[in-house]
Protein backbone atom coordinates (compact mmCIF):
# COMPACT_ATOMS: atom_id res chain seq x y z
CA MET A 1 -79.66 38.66 236.57
CA LYS A 2 -81.32 37.61 233.97
CA TYR A 3 -78.91 39.18 231.78
CA ILE A 4 -75.52 37.25 233.98
CA GLY A 5 -75.32 34.81 230.56
CA LEU A 6 -74.89 37.34 228.51
CA ILE A 7 -72.92 39.71 230.03
CA LEU A 8 -70.67 37.13 230.35
CA ALA A 9 -70.98 35.37 225.82
CA LEU A 10 -69.95 39.33 225.03
CA LEU A 11 -67.24 40.01 227.33
CA CYS A 12 -65.96 36.07 225.52
CA LEU A 13 -66.84 37.28 222.04
CA SER A 14 -64.47 40.64 223.37
CA GLY A 15 -61.93 38.41 223.95
CA ASN A 16 -61.69 39.58 227.70
CA ILE A 17 -62.66 36.51 229.41
CA ALA A 18 -60.68 33.28 227.71
CA VAL A 19 -62.67 30.14 227.30
CA ALA A 20 -60.31 27.13 227.67
CA ALA A 21 -60.53 24.81 224.98
CA GLU A 22 -58.96 20.96 225.86
CA ARG A 23 -55.74 21.50 225.69
CA ILE A 24 -53.26 18.54 225.61
CA PHE A 25 -50.16 20.14 226.01
CA PHE A 26 -46.89 22.77 225.28
CA VAL A 27 -43.62 24.24 224.57
CA SER A 28 -42.66 25.88 226.78
CA ARG A 29 -38.54 28.02 225.81
CA ASN A 30 -35.79 28.95 227.21
CA LEU A 31 -35.86 32.30 224.89
CA ASN A 32 -38.87 34.25 226.85
CA LYS A 33 -41.95 33.08 229.01
CA ASN A 34 -44.06 32.84 226.24
CA ILE A 35 -45.73 29.59 224.70
CA ILE A 36 -47.22 27.51 221.96
CA VAL A 37 -50.81 25.99 222.89
CA TYR A 38 -51.77 23.26 221.35
CA ASP A 39 -55.26 22.48 222.05
CA VAL A 40 -57.86 19.66 220.89
CA ASN A 41 -59.84 20.68 217.59
CA LEU A 42 -63.06 19.53 217.72
CA LYS A 43 -65.82 19.16 214.57
CA ASN A 44 -69.08 19.68 216.09
CA GLY A 45 -68.21 17.41 218.73
CA LYS A 46 -65.97 14.85 217.63
CA LEU A 47 -62.23 15.00 217.33
CA ASP A 48 -61.03 16.79 214.04
CA THR A 49 -58.70 13.86 211.81
CA ASP A 50 -57.88 15.79 209.83
CA LYS A 51 -56.47 18.81 211.65
CA PRO A 52 -56.72 16.97 215.22
CA LEU A 53 -55.00 20.16 217.38
CA HIS A 54 -54.92 23.80 217.05
CA PRO A 55 -51.61 25.15 218.17
CA TYR A 56 -51.16 28.91 218.54
CA TRP A 57 -49.35 31.68 221.12
CA TYR A 58 -50.47 32.53 224.54
CA ARG A 59 -47.97 35.14 224.99
CA GLN A 60 -48.00 36.14 228.09
CA GLU A 61 -44.80 38.42 228.48
CA GLU A 62 -47.87 40.74 226.58
CA ASN A 63 -50.23 42.66 229.72
CA PRO A 64 -52.66 41.83 228.88
CA ILE A 65 -52.09 38.14 228.06
CA THR A 66 -52.92 37.66 224.56
CA THR A 67 -53.49 34.72 222.58
CA GLY A 68 -51.70 34.82 218.40
CA GLU A 69 -51.90 32.29 215.61
CA LEU A 70 -49.05 30.85 214.13
CA THR A 71 -47.22 32.14 211.48
CA PHE A 72 -47.19 29.99 208.36
CA ILE A 73 -43.62 29.34 208.40
CA GLN A 74 -43.47 28.76 212.08
CA ARG A 75 -46.33 25.95 211.62
CA LYS A 76 -43.84 24.21 208.42
CA LEU A 77 -41.33 24.37 210.12
CA ALA A 78 -41.55 24.01 213.58
CA TYR A 79 -44.54 24.31 215.96
CA GLY A 80 -46.84 22.28 213.15
CA TYR A 81 -47.67 19.14 212.81
CA SER A 82 -48.31 16.48 209.90
CA VAL A 83 -51.32 13.83 210.74
CA GLU A 84 -49.64 10.34 209.64
CA GLN A 85 -52.31 7.96 210.09
CA LYS A 86 -56.29 8.81 211.65
CA SER A 87 -58.78 6.90 212.48
CA GLU A 88 -62.88 7.60 213.47
CA ASN A 89 -61.48 9.14 217.00
CA GLU A 90 -57.68 9.50 217.12
CA ALA A 91 -55.27 11.05 214.71
CA PHE A 92 -51.43 10.36 215.26
CA VAL A 93 -49.25 13.40 215.02
CA LYS A 94 -45.26 14.36 213.73
CA LEU A 95 -44.89 17.54 215.45
CA LYS A 96 -42.62 19.76 213.33
CA ALA A 97 -40.41 20.16 216.66
CA TYR A 98 -39.54 16.40 217.22
CA LYS A 99 -40.30 14.74 214.46
CA HIS A 100 -39.01 10.94 215.54
CA ARG A 101 -41.59 10.20 217.83
CA LEU A 102 -45.83 9.40 216.74
CA LEU A 103 -48.30 11.42 219.19
CA ARG A 104 -52.11 10.12 219.51
CA VAL A 105 -54.17 12.01 219.90
CA CYS A 106 -57.80 10.37 221.34
CA LYS A 107 -60.04 10.61 224.46
CA HIS A 108 -58.16 9.01 227.85
CA GLU A 109 -60.78 8.70 230.95
CA GLY A 110 -63.25 11.01 229.56
CA LYS A 111 -60.53 14.13 228.09
CA TRP A 112 -58.13 14.62 225.25
CA VAL A 113 -54.98 14.09 225.80
CA GLY A 114 -52.18 12.96 223.24
CA ILE A 115 -50.23 9.90 224.10
CA THR A 116 -46.55 9.64 223.84
CA THR A 117 -43.07 7.58 224.88
CA ILE A 118 -41.41 9.23 227.15
CA ASN A 119 -38.40 6.58 228.71
CA ASN A 120 -40.23 3.94 227.01
CA LYS A 121 -43.16 3.99 228.93
CA GLU A 122 -46.44 5.34 227.50
CA CYS A 123 -46.73 8.80 228.53
CA ILE A 124 -49.88 11.64 228.43
CA LEU A 125 -47.62 14.46 226.98
CA THR A 126 -47.74 17.96 229.47
CA GLU A 127 -45.00 20.14 227.89
CA ILE A 128 -41.78 20.41 225.74
CA TYR A 129 -39.56 22.35 226.89
CA ALA A 130 -36.82 23.61 224.25
CA HIS A 131 -33.94 24.97 224.52
CA CYS A 132 -32.84 27.12 222.37
CA PRO A 133 -29.56 28.99 221.77
CA THR A 134 -31.38 31.17 219.31
CA ARG A 135 -34.77 31.74 217.70
CA MET A 136 -33.43 29.31 214.99
CA SER A 137 -31.85 26.40 216.26
CA CYS A 138 -32.48 24.06 219.30
CA ASP A 139 -29.27 22.32 221.23
CA TYR A 140 -32.09 19.97 223.60
CA MET A 141 -35.59 19.78 224.75
CA ILE A 142 -36.91 17.74 227.57
CA LEU A 143 -40.15 16.08 226.83
CA LYS A 144 -42.72 15.56 230.17
CA GLY A 145 -46.05 13.53 230.67
CA LYS A 146 -47.58 11.14 233.18
CA SER A 147 -46.61 7.86 232.96
CA LEU A 148 -50.43 6.01 231.98
CA GLU A 149 -49.05 2.69 234.65
CA ASN A 150 -48.45 4.87 237.72
CA GLY A 151 -49.67 8.24 237.05
CA LYS A 152 -45.79 9.52 238.10
CA GLU A 153 -44.52 12.10 236.24
CA GLU A 154 -41.68 11.04 233.66
CA GLN A 155 -39.73 13.35 231.01
CA GLU A 156 -36.59 12.78 228.76
CA LYS A 157 -34.52 14.43 227.51
CA VAL A 158 -34.52 13.96 223.43
CA LYS A 159 -31.43 16.13 221.08
């Protein structure tokens, strides 16, 4: 019984148990079941305002499911972001996938979230669905989230 904590720690280090960070949102695509996950990036328990998000692959089509870092090209052209503004406890970022809206990474009701506008309402972003005819192009995206005002699900198709 006294070794259970040690065994769990070793399993986590070996990658056999996924230790969930606070997920902000994810990007799914029609091309396959793999998604790009965006977790909050903390440094000493506080938001790393220089790099507030950690985007990475969650490969659901592999058996077993694996994770992996984005390539340089993927970060620069498709799934990365740039920090536009920051303060001690929040950061405003623009996603490479959709540069037309800012995403505010901050704490809301004790949880790290990404807040943006969906259907002209302030919402907590939960997913971006990208419809891509090829790996190099995207027809449209659907932004999905929960309204801060009433908690209702919102989604908006954008080009």
